Amino acid sequence: MPPRSTRPLDKLDDDDYPAYTTGRAADMLGTTPAFLRALGDNRLITPLRSQGGHRRYTRHQLRIAARARQLVDTGTHIEAACRIIILQNQLEQAQRLNEKLRTHNTTP
């Protein structure tokens, strides 16, 4: 992960800055704190912790949680939704690596 800037305004655009409390994140997603904890229990997202030990979520994590919420809202069990998203992410990474290797190997 790249180093974080010490300039406060840079945090506004930082997708990896843990700006959202559990309550605020749940409110933004229209879900419950228990739903967010379940995503953590299923290793889909791992919130950072404040010095006081409270969960803090990033915008990137909230986008992942929103994907899970969409699957759950269509009837997918939460554990299955987490696994689906994890596998989709792994597939995307493998495809990018494959393309990079293919491009590298075809260059004269």
C-alpha atoms as a PDB file:
ATOM      1  CA  MET A   1       0.000   0.000   0.000  1.00  0.00           C
ATOM      2  CA  PRO A   2       1.421   3.447  -0.897  1.00  0.00           C
ATOM      3  CA  PRO A   3       2.324   5.755   1.962  1.00  0.00           C
ATOM      4  CA  ARG A   4      -0.442   8.053   3.087  1.00  0.00           C
ATOM      5  CA  SER A   5      -0.046  11.757   2.652  1.00  0.00           C
ATOM      6  CA  THR A   6       0.151  13.927   5.735  1.00  0.00           C
ATOM      7  CA  ARG A   7      -1.858  16.693   4.038  1.00  0.00           C
ATOM      8  CA  PRO A   8      -5.435  16.505   5.412  1.00  0.00           C
ATOM      9  CA  LEU A   9      -7.145  17.419   2.123  1.00  0.00           C
ATOM     10  CA  ASP A  10      -5.442  14.524   0.325  1.00  0.00           C
ATOM     11  CA  LYS A  11      -7.501  12.147   2.471  1.00  0.00           C
ATOM     12  CA  LEU A  12     -10.691  13.339   0.742  1.00  0.00           C
ATOM     13  CA  ASP A  13      -9.703  11.509  -2.437  1.00  0.00           C
ATOM     14  CA  ASP A  14      -7.981   8.543  -0.785  1.00  0.00           C
ATOM     15  CA  ASP A  15     -10.079   5.404  -1.367  1.00  0.00           C
ATOM     16  CA  ASP A  16      -7.980   3.580   1.228  1.00  0.00           C
ATOM     17  CA  TYR A  17      -8.379   6.079   4.058  1.00  0.00           C
ATOM     18  CA  PRO A  18     -10.442   4.528   6.912  1.00  0.00           C
ATOM     19  CA  ALA A  19     -12.904   7.381   7.260  1.00  0.00           C
ATOM     20  CA  TYR A  20     -16.186   5.647   8.055  1.00  0.00           C
ATOM     21  CA  THR A  21     -17.346   4.227  11.368  1.00  0.00           C
ATOM     22  CA  THR A  22     -19.435   1.071  11.415  1.00  0.00           C
ATOM     23  CA  GLY A  23     -22.633   3.019  12.027  1.00  0.00           C
ATOM     24  CA  ARG A  24     -21.951   5.522   9.257  1.00  0.00           C
ATOM     25  CA  ALA A  25     -20.916   2.779   6.815  1.00  0.00           C
ATOM     26  CA  ALA A  26     -24.050   0.763   7.580  1.00  0.00           C
ATOM     27  CA  ASP A  27     -26.183   3.872   7.124  1.00  0.00           C
ATOM     28  CA  MET A  28     -24.569   4.653   3.766  1.00  0.00           C
ATOM     29  CA  LEU A  29     -25.178   1.093   2.557  1.00  0.00           C
ATOM     30  CA  GLY A  30     -28.679   0.877   3.990  1.00  0.00           C
ATOM     31  CA  THR A  31     -27.777  -2.149   6.056  1.00  0.00           C
ATOM     32  CA  THR A  32     -26.884  -3.010   9.643  1.00  0.00           C
ATOM     33  CA  PRO A  33     -23.591  -3.078  11.539  1.00  0.00           C
ATOM     34  CA  ALA A  34     -24.120  -6.848  11.881  1.00  0.00           C
ATOM     35  CA  PHE A  35     -24.041  -7.167   8.087  1.00  0.00           C
ATOM     36  CA  LEU A  36     -20.665  -5.420   7.986  1.00  0.00           C
ATOM     37  CA  ARG A  37     -19.346  -7.624  10.784  1.00  0.00           C
ATOM     38  CA  ALA A  38     -20.512 -10.697   8.841  1.00  0.00           C
ATOM     39  CA  LEU A  39     -18.514  -9.515   5.816  1.00  0.00           C
ATOM     40  CA  GLY A  40     -15.466  -9.341   8.059  1.00  0.00           C
ATOM     41  CA  ASP A  41     -16.218 -12.752   9.565  1.00  0.00           C
ATOM     42  CA  ASN A  42     -16.330 -14.159   6.026  1.00  0.00           C
ATOM     43  CA  ARG A  43     -13.037 -12.431   5.170  1.00  0.00           C
ATOM     44  CA  LEU A  44     -14.463 -10.300   2.397  1.00  0.00           C
ATOM     45  CA  ILE A  45     -13.309  -7.055   3.980  1.00  0.00           C
ATOM     46  CA  THR A  46     -11.110  -6.376   6.973  1.00  0.00           C
ATOM     47  CA  PRO A  47     -11.796  -2.966   8.479  1.00  0.00           C
ATOM     48  CA  LEU A  48      -8.956  -1.074  10.025  1.00  0.00           C
ATOM     49  CA  ARG A  49      -9.164  -0.255  13.724  1.00  0.00           C
ATOM     50  CA  SER A  50      -8.977   3.125  15.398  1.00  0.00           C
ATOM     51  CA  GLN A  51      -6.712   3.582  18.393  1.00  0.00           C
ATOM     52  CA  GLY A  52      -9.762   2.859  20.537  1.00  0.00           C
ATOM     53  CA  GLY A  53     -10.352  -0.427  18.690  1.00  0.00           C
ATOM     54  CA  HIS A  54     -13.388   0.718  16.683  1.00  0.00           C
ATOM     55  CA  ARG A  55     -13.850  -0.522  13.117  1.00  0.00           C
ATOM     56  CA  ARG A  56     -13.149   2.012  10.361  1.00  0.00           C
ATOM     57  CA  TYR A  57     -14.055   1.381   6.731  1.00  0.00           C
ATOM     58  CA  THR A  58     -12.591   2.809   3.545  1.00  0.00           C
ATOM     59  CA  ARG A  59     -14.530   3.846   0.441  1.00  0.00           C
ATOM     60  CA  HIS A  60     -12.990   0.881  -1.378  1.00  0.00           C
ATOM     61  CA  GLN A  61     -14.300  -1.479   1.302  1.00  0.00           C
ATOM     62  CA  LEU A  62     -17.742   0.122   1.115  1.00  0.00           C
ATOM     63  CA  ARG A  63     -17.887  -0.525  -2.637  1.00  0.00           C
ATOM     64  CA  ILE A  64     -17.098  -4.199  -1.981  1.00  0.00           C
ATOM     65  CA  ALA A  65     -19.733  -4.308   0.769  1.00  0.00           C
ATOM     66  CA  ALA A  66     -22.254  -2.777  -1.657  1.00  0.00           C
ATOM     67  CA  ARG A  67     -21.537  -5.591  -4.138  1.00  0.00           C
ATOM     68  CA  ALA A  68     -22.206  -8.129  -1.386  1.00  0.00           C
ATOM     69  CA  ARG A  69     -25.388  -6.329  -0.416  1.00  0.00           C
ATOM     70  CA  GLN A  70     -26.659  -6.544  -4.009  1.00  0.00           C
ATOM     71  CA  LEU A  71     -26.102 -10.305  -4.062  1.00  0.00           C
ATOM     72  CA  VAL A  72     -27.731 -10.787  -0.664  1.00  0.00           C
ATOM     73  CA  ASP A  73     -30.690  -8.639  -1.729  1.00  0.00           C
ATOM     74  CA  THR A  74     -31.264 -10.967  -4.692  1.00  0.00           C
ATOM     75  CA  GLY A  75     -31.400 -14.010  -2.403  1.00  0.00           C
ATOM     76  CA  THR A  76     -27.783 -15.153  -2.217  1.00  0.00           C
ATOM     77  CA  HIS A  77     -26.722 -16.318   1.239  1.00  0.00           C
ATOM     78  CA  ILE A  78     -24.136 -13.967   2.769  1.00  0.00           C
ATOM     79  CA  GLU A  79     -21.381 -16.606   2.935  1.00  0.00           C
ATOM     80  CA  ALA A  80     -21.937 -17.468  -0.731  1.00  0.00           C
ATOM     81  CA  ALA A  81     -21.991 -13.775  -1.704  1.00  0.00           C
ATOM     82  CA  CYS A  82     -18.635 -13.238  -0.006  1.00  0.00           C
ATOM     83  CA  ARG A  83     -17.136 -16.277  -1.695  1.00  0.00           C
ATOM     84  CA  ILE A  84     -18.465 -15.198  -5.102  1.00  0.00           C
ATOM     85  CA  ILE A  85     -16.890 -11.756  -4.778  1.00  0.00           C
ATOM     86  CA  ILE A  86     -13.582 -13.186  -3.544  1.00  0.00           C
ATOM     87  CA  LEU A  87     -13.488 -15.583  -6.501  1.00  0.00           C
ATOM     88  CA  GLN A  88     -14.418 -12.818  -8.960  1.00  0.00           C
ATOM     89  CA  ASN A  89     -11.558 -10.701  -7.640  1.00  0.00           C
ATOM     90  CA  GLN A  90      -9.119 -13.615  -7.893  1.00  0.00           C
ATOM     91  CA  LEU A  91     -10.241 -14.269 -11.468  1.00  0.00           C
ATOM     92  CA  GLU A  92      -9.739 -10.611 -12.423  1.00  0.00           C
ATOM     93  CA  GLN A  93      -6.240 -10.657 -10.925  1.00  0.00           C
ATOM     94  CA  ALA A  94      -5.369 -13.875 -12.756  1.00  0.00           C
ATOM     95  CA  GLN A  95      -6.670 -12.466 -16.041  1.00  0.00           C
ATOM     96  CA  ARG A  96      -4.592  -9.284 -15.629  1.00  0.00           C
ATOM     97  CA  LEU A  97      -1.492 -11.342 -14.846  1.00  0.00           C
ATOM     98  CA  ASN A  98      -2.170 -13.650 -17.773  1.00  0.00           C
ATOM     99  CA  GLU A  99      -2.533 -10.689 -20.138  1.00  0.00           C
ATOM    100  CA  LYS A 100       0.649  -9.115 -18.789  1.00  0.00           C
ATOM    101  CA  LEU A 101       2.571 -12.355 -19.305  1.00  0.00           C
ATOM    102  CA  ARG A 102       1.091 -12.856 -22.757  1.00  0.00           C
ATOM    103  CA  THR A 103       2.054  -9.311 -23.786  1.00  0.00           C
ATOM    104  CA  HIS A 104       5.525  -9.698 -22.304  1.00  0.00           C
ATOM    105  CA  ASN A 105       6.155 -13.031 -24.073  1.00  0.00           C
ATOM    106  CA  THR A 106       5.011 -11.790 -27.502  1.00  0.00           C
ATOM    107  CA  THR A 107       7.225  -8.701 -27.488  1.00  0.00           C
ATOM    108  CA  PRO A 108      10.239  -9.277 -29.792  1.00  0.00           C
END
